[in-house]
């Protein structure tokens, strides 16, 4: 990452950082280098993301494909339309999905069964994949296809 623009005022300093990859390391070093407090950036608040990394060797041994995992997660988390109910002129989709409490608990998601289309058996997700809750920026701004972040802060007294 490199600095593309910076502004300096009597009490405030701001720096535009841009490049490939993730600028969080540079963003975290910037305040210490300039003795800043009340640091803010324009990527917004960080949000949680469920990261499922399928171990292909374990999945093959269990007879499960990545598509089987994707379909099982989709139906368990967001829901899968299994049929439609017609009432008068209204068509109401009938959804199959886990209860809300199970969709918000990482341990229950890990124990969610993955159905194998080929063998017809179910295998717990935790046997096929590593599951982790990670934090990520809620938005990533770009300029000329480069990731950009503007970091600013108030200059520390002294």
C-alpha atoms as a PDB file:
ATOM      1  CA  UNK A   1       0.000   0.000   0.000  1.00  0.00           C
ATOM      2  CA  UNK A   2       1.101   3.535  -0.641  1.00  0.00           C
ATOM      3  CA  UNK A   3      -0.080   6.976   0.374  1.00  0.00           C
ATOM      4  CA  UNK A   4      -1.875   8.716  -2.482  1.00  0.00           C
ATOM      5  CA  UNK A   5      -2.949  11.896  -0.740  1.00  0.00           C
ATOM      6  CA  UNK A   6      -2.695  13.482   2.674  1.00  0.00           C
ATOM      7  CA  UNK A   7      -4.090  16.490   4.433  1.00  0.00           C
ATOM      8  CA  UNK A   8      -2.750  18.172   7.540  1.00  0.00           C
ATOM      9  CA  UNK A   9      -4.588  20.693   9.650  1.00  0.00           C
ATOM     10  CA  UNK A  10      -3.915  22.337  12.978  1.00  0.00           C
ATOM     11  CA  UNK A  11      -5.541  19.509  14.927  1.00  0.00           C
ATOM     12  CA  UNK A  12      -6.335  16.817  12.353  1.00  0.00           C
ATOM     13  CA  UNK A  13      -4.385  14.647   9.901  1.00  0.00           C
ATOM     14  CA  UNK A  14      -5.806  12.476   7.125  1.00  0.00           C
ATOM     15  CA  UNK A  15      -4.135  10.041   4.735  1.00  0.00           C
ATOM     16  CA  UNK A  16      -5.475   8.168   1.684  1.00  0.00           C
ATOM     17  CA  UNK A  17      -3.956   4.699   1.400  1.00  0.00           C
ATOM     18  CA  UNK A  18      -4.279   2.598  -1.722  1.00  0.00           C
ATOM     19  CA  UNK A  19      -2.960  -0.636  -3.184  1.00  0.00           C
ATOM     20  CA  UNK A  20      -3.636  -4.324  -3.643  1.00  0.00           C
ATOM     21  CA  UNK A  21      -4.428  -6.615  -0.751  1.00  0.00           C
ATOM     22  CA  UNK A  22      -5.752  -5.341   2.536  1.00  0.00           C
ATOM     23  CA  UNK A  23      -4.653  -2.016   3.984  1.00  0.00           C
ATOM     24  CA  UNK A  24      -5.482  -2.853   7.604  1.00  0.00           C
ATOM     25  CA  UNK A  25      -1.837  -3.330   8.623  1.00  0.00           C
ATOM     26  CA  UNK A  26      -0.876   0.039   7.148  1.00  0.00           C
ATOM     27  CA  UNK A  27      -3.982   1.637   8.638  1.00  0.00           C
ATOM     28  CA  UNK A  28      -3.040   0.275  12.064  1.00  0.00           C
ATOM     29  CA  UNK A  29       0.576   1.513  11.816  1.00  0.00           C
ATOM     30  CA  UNK A  30      -0.383   5.010  10.670  1.00  0.00           C
ATOM     31  CA  UNK A  31      -1.749   6.322  14.019  1.00  0.00           C
ATOM     32  CA  UNK A  32       1.388   5.287  15.928  1.00  0.00           C
ATOM     33  CA  UNK A  33       3.705   6.901  13.393  1.00  0.00           C
ATOM     34  CA  UNK A  34       1.984  10.283  13.712  1.00  0.00           C
ATOM     35  CA  UNK A  35       0.796  10.192  17.371  1.00  0.00           C
ATOM     36  CA  UNK A  36      -2.895  10.276  16.518  1.00  0.00           C
ATOM     37  CA  UNK A  37      -5.923   9.702  18.709  1.00  0.00           C
ATOM     38  CA  UNK A  38      -9.629   9.219  17.841  1.00  0.00           C
ATOM     39  CA  UNK A  39      -8.727   7.309  14.687  1.00  0.00           C
ATOM     40  CA  UNK A  40     -11.438   6.836  12.046  1.00  0.00           C
ATOM     41  CA  UNK A  41     -11.551   5.403   8.549  1.00  0.00           C
ATOM     42  CA  UNK A  42     -14.076   5.461   5.725  1.00  0.00           C
ATOM     43  CA  UNK A  43     -14.593   1.695   5.544  1.00  0.00           C
ATOM     44  CA  UNK A  44     -17.303   1.869   8.173  1.00  0.00           C
ATOM     45  CA  UNK A  45     -17.952  -0.479  11.088  1.00  0.00           C
ATOM     46  CA  UNK A  46     -16.581  -4.009  10.924  1.00  0.00           C
ATOM     47  CA  UNK A  47     -19.052  -6.872  10.477  1.00  0.00           C
ATOM     48  CA  UNK A  48     -18.940 -10.580  11.288  1.00  0.00           C
ATOM     49  CA  UNK A  49     -18.538 -13.106   8.504  1.00  0.00           C
ATOM     50  CA  UNK A  50     -18.805 -16.882   8.740  1.00  0.00           C
ATOM     51  CA  UNK A  51     -15.839 -18.378   6.909  1.00  0.00           C
ATOM     52  CA  UNK A  52     -16.189 -22.016   5.833  1.00  0.00           C
ATOM     53  CA  UNK A  53     -12.991 -23.522   4.414  1.00  0.00           C
ATOM     54  CA  UNK A  54     -13.740 -26.934   2.900  1.00  0.00           C
ATOM     55  CA  UNK A  55     -10.933 -29.478   3.266  1.00  0.00           C
ATOM     56  CA  UNK A  56     -11.195 -31.216  -0.112  1.00  0.00           C
ATOM     57  CA  UNK A  57      -9.399 -34.372   1.079  1.00  0.00           C
ATOM     58  CA  UNK A  58     -11.812 -34.846   4.006  1.00  0.00           C
ATOM     59  CA  UNK A  59     -14.787 -34.061   1.754  1.00  0.00           C
ATOM     60  CA  UNK A  60     -13.676 -36.652  -0.844  1.00  0.00           C
ATOM     61  CA  UNK A  61     -13.271 -39.314   1.874  1.00  0.00           C
ATOM     62  CA  UNK A  62     -16.824 -38.591   3.031  1.00  0.00           C
ATOM     63  CA  UNK A  63     -18.140 -38.659  -0.544  1.00  0.00           C
ATOM     64  CA  UNK A  64     -19.246 -35.021  -0.440  1.00  0.00           C
ATOM     65  CA  UNK A  65     -18.624 -32.332  -3.051  1.00  0.00           C
ATOM     66  CA  UNK A  66     -18.255 -28.584  -2.589  1.00  0.00           C
ATOM     67  CA  UNK A  67     -21.635 -28.206  -4.285  1.00  0.00           C
ATOM     68  CA  UNK A  68     -23.205 -30.498  -1.655  1.00  0.00           C
ATOM     69  CA  UNK A  69     -21.782 -28.241   1.073  1.00  0.00           C
ATOM     70  CA  UNK A  70     -22.988 -25.100  -0.713  1.00  0.00           C
ATOM     71  CA  UNK A  71     -26.538 -26.428  -1.198  1.00  0.00           C
ATOM     72  CA  UNK A  72     -26.757 -27.639   2.417  1.00  0.00           C
ATOM     73  CA  UNK A  73     -25.508 -24.297   3.773  1.00  0.00           C
ATOM     74  CA  UNK A  74     -27.824 -22.353   1.461  1.00  0.00           C
ATOM     75  CA  UNK A  75     -30.869 -24.358   2.510  1.00  0.00           C
ATOM     76  CA  UNK A  76     -29.938 -24.274   6.201  1.00  0.00           C
ATOM     77  CA  UNK A  77     -29.009 -20.592   6.409  1.00  0.00           C
ATOM     78  CA  UNK A  78     -30.984 -18.633   3.802  1.00  0.00           C
ATOM     79  CA  UNK A  79     -33.559 -21.218   2.907  1.00  0.00           C
ATOM     80  CA  UNK A  80     -34.440 -23.235  -0.132  1.00  0.00           C
ATOM     81  CA  UNK A  81     -37.812 -23.022  -1.878  1.00  0.00           C
ATOM     82  CA  UNK A  82     -39.212 -26.566  -1.878  1.00  0.00           C
ATOM     83  CA  UNK A  83     -42.639 -25.813  -3.319  1.00  0.00           C
ATOM     84  CA  UNK A  84     -45.202 -23.064  -3.728  1.00  0.00           C
ATOM     85  CA  UNK A  85     -48.594 -22.677  -2.085  1.00  0.00           C
ATOM     86  CA  UNK A  86     -51.333 -20.986  -4.062  1.00  0.00           C
ATOM     87  CA  UNK A  87     -54.040 -19.058  -2.246  1.00  0.00           C
ATOM     88  CA  UNK A  88     -56.381 -17.330  -4.642  1.00  0.00           C
ATOM     89  CA  UNK A  89     -54.201 -15.264  -6.960  1.00  0.00           C
ATOM     90  CA  UNK A  90     -51.251 -15.226  -4.517  1.00  0.00           C
ATOM     91  CA  UNK A  91     -48.305 -17.597  -4.777  1.00  0.00           C
ATOM     92  CA  UNK A  92     -46.542 -18.180  -1.458  1.00  0.00           C
ATOM     93  CA  UNK A  93     -43.147 -19.931  -1.483  1.00  0.00           C
ATOM     94  CA  UNK A  94     -42.651 -22.729   1.061  1.00  0.00           C
ATOM     95  CA  UNK A  95     -39.098 -22.483   2.420  1.00  0.00           C
ATOM     96  CA  UNK A  96     -36.905 -25.116   4.064  1.00  0.00           C
ATOM     97  CA  UNK A  97     -34.331 -23.747   6.506  1.00  0.00           C
ATOM     98  CA  UNK A  98     -33.027 -24.067  10.057  1.00  0.00           C
ATOM     99  CA  UNK A  99     -34.646 -22.231  12.934  1.00  0.00           C
ATOM    100  CA  UNK A 100     -33.246 -18.742  13.629  1.00  0.00           C
ATOM    101  CA  UNK A 101     -31.442 -19.790  16.833  1.00  0.00           C
ATOM    102  CA  UNK A 102     -29.497 -22.492  14.949  1.00  0.00           C
ATOM    103  CA  UNK A 103     -28.488 -20.063  12.183  1.00  0.00           C
ATOM    104  CA  UNK A 104     -26.883 -17.681  14.685  1.00  0.00           C
ATOM    105  CA  UNK A 105     -24.886 -20.201  16.735  1.00  0.00           C
ATOM    106  CA  UNK A 106     -21.521 -21.164  15.194  1.00  0.00           C
ATOM    107  CA  UNK A 107     -21.442 -24.488  17.076  1.00  0.00           C
ATOM    108  CA  UNK A 108     -24.860 -25.443  15.719  1.00  0.00           C
ATOM    109  CA  UNK A 109     -23.811 -24.433  12.214  1.00  0.00           C
ATOM    110  CA  UNK A 110     -20.734 -26.671  12.550  1.00  0.00           C
ATOM    111  CA  UNK A 111     -22.955 -29.619  13.475  1.00  0.00           C
ATOM    112  CA  UNK A 112     -25.303 -28.955  10.523  1.00  0.00           C
ATOM    113  CA  UNK A 113     -25.602 -32.030   8.313  1.00  0.00           C
ATOM    114  CA  UNK A 114     -24.368 -31.896   4.729  1.00  0.00           C
ATOM    115  CA  UNK A 115     -26.354 -34.156   2.416  1.00  0.00           C
ATOM    116  CA  UNK A 116     -24.381 -35.995  -0.273  1.00  0.00           C
ATOM    117  CA  UNK A 117     -26.250 -36.125  -3.578  1.00  0.00           C
ATOM    118  CA  UNK A 118     -24.144 -39.099  -4.751  1.00  0.00           C
ATOM    119  CA  UNK A 119     -24.368 -41.415  -1.730  1.00  0.00           C
ATOM    120  CA  UNK A 120     -27.561 -40.151  -0.068  1.00  0.00           C
ATOM    121  CA  UNK A 121     -25.796 -39.954   3.314  1.00  0.00           C
ATOM    122  CA  UNK A 122     -25.440 -36.974   5.624  1.00  0.00           C
ATOM    123  CA  UNK A 123     -22.182 -35.860   7.234  1.00  0.00           C
ATOM    124  CA  UNK A 124     -21.697 -33.112   9.866  1.00  0.00           C
ATOM    125  CA  UNK A 125     -20.154 -29.973   8.362  1.00  0.00           C
ATOM    126  CA  UNK A 126     -17.392 -29.908  10.996  1.00  0.00           C
ATOM    127  CA  UNK A 127     -16.032 -33.200   9.576  1.00  0.00           C
ATOM    128  CA  UNK A 128     -15.561 -31.576   6.160  1.00  0.00           C
ATOM    129  CA  UNK A 129     -14.558 -27.992   6.825  1.00  0.00           C
ATOM    130  CA  UNK A 130     -12.927 -25.551   9.202  1.00  0.00           C
ATOM    131  CA  UNK A 131     -15.456 -22.953  10.357  1.00  0.00           C
ATOM    132  CA  UNK A 132     -14.493 -19.618  11.833  1.00  0.00           C
ATOM    133  CA  UNK A 133     -16.184 -16.319  12.590  1.00  0.00           C
ATOM    134  CA  UNK A 134     -14.013 -13.471  11.279  1.00  0.00           C
ATOM    135  CA  UNK A 135     -14.369  -9.690  11.165  1.00  0.00           C
ATOM    136  CA  UNK A 136     -14.275  -7.802   7.881  1.00  0.00           C
ATOM    137  CA  UNK A 137     -14.823  -4.266   6.703  1.00  0.00           C
ATOM    138  CA  UNK A 138     -18.462  -3.550   5.899  1.00  0.00           C
ATOM    139  CA  UNK A 139     -17.452  -1.757   2.712  1.00  0.00           C
ATOM    140  CA  UNK A 140     -14.249  -1.611   0.703  1.00  0.00           C
ATOM    141  CA  UNK A 141     -13.788   1.501  -1.396  1.00  0.00           C
ATOM    142  CA  UNK A 142     -11.865   1.408  -4.664  1.00  0.00           C
ATOM    143  CA  UNK A 143     -10.306   3.978  -6.937  1.00  0.00           C
ATOM    144  CA  UNK A 144      -8.991   2.849 -10.342  1.00  0.00           C
ATOM    145  CA  UNK A 145      -9.437  -0.809  -9.239  1.00  0.00           C
ATOM    146  CA  UNK A 146      -7.199  -0.291  -6.177  1.00  0.00           C
ATOM    147  CA  UNK A 147      -8.492  -0.740  -2.663  1.00  0.00           C
ATOM    148  CA  UNK A 148      -8.535   2.624  -0.935  1.00  0.00           C
ATOM    149  CA  UNK A 149      -8.986   3.651   2.663  1.00  0.00           C
ATOM    150  CA  UNK A 150      -8.878   7.149   4.133  1.00  0.00           C
ATOM    151  CA  UNK A 151      -7.580   7.168   7.692  1.00  0.00           C
ATOM    152  CA  UNK A 152      -7.680  10.245   9.883  1.00  0.00           C
ATOM    153  CA  UNK A 153      -7.263  11.265  13.446  1.00  0.00           C
ATOM    154  CA  UNK A 154      -6.772  14.101  15.839  1.00  0.00           C
ATOM    155  CA  UNK A 155      -3.168  14.942  16.670  1.00  0.00           C
ATOM    156  CA  UNK A 156      -2.251  13.923  20.205  1.00  0.00           C
ATOM    157  CA  UNK A 157      -1.298  16.787  22.518  1.00  0.00           C
ATOM    158  CA  UNK A 158       2.410  17.388  22.978  1.00  0.00           C
END
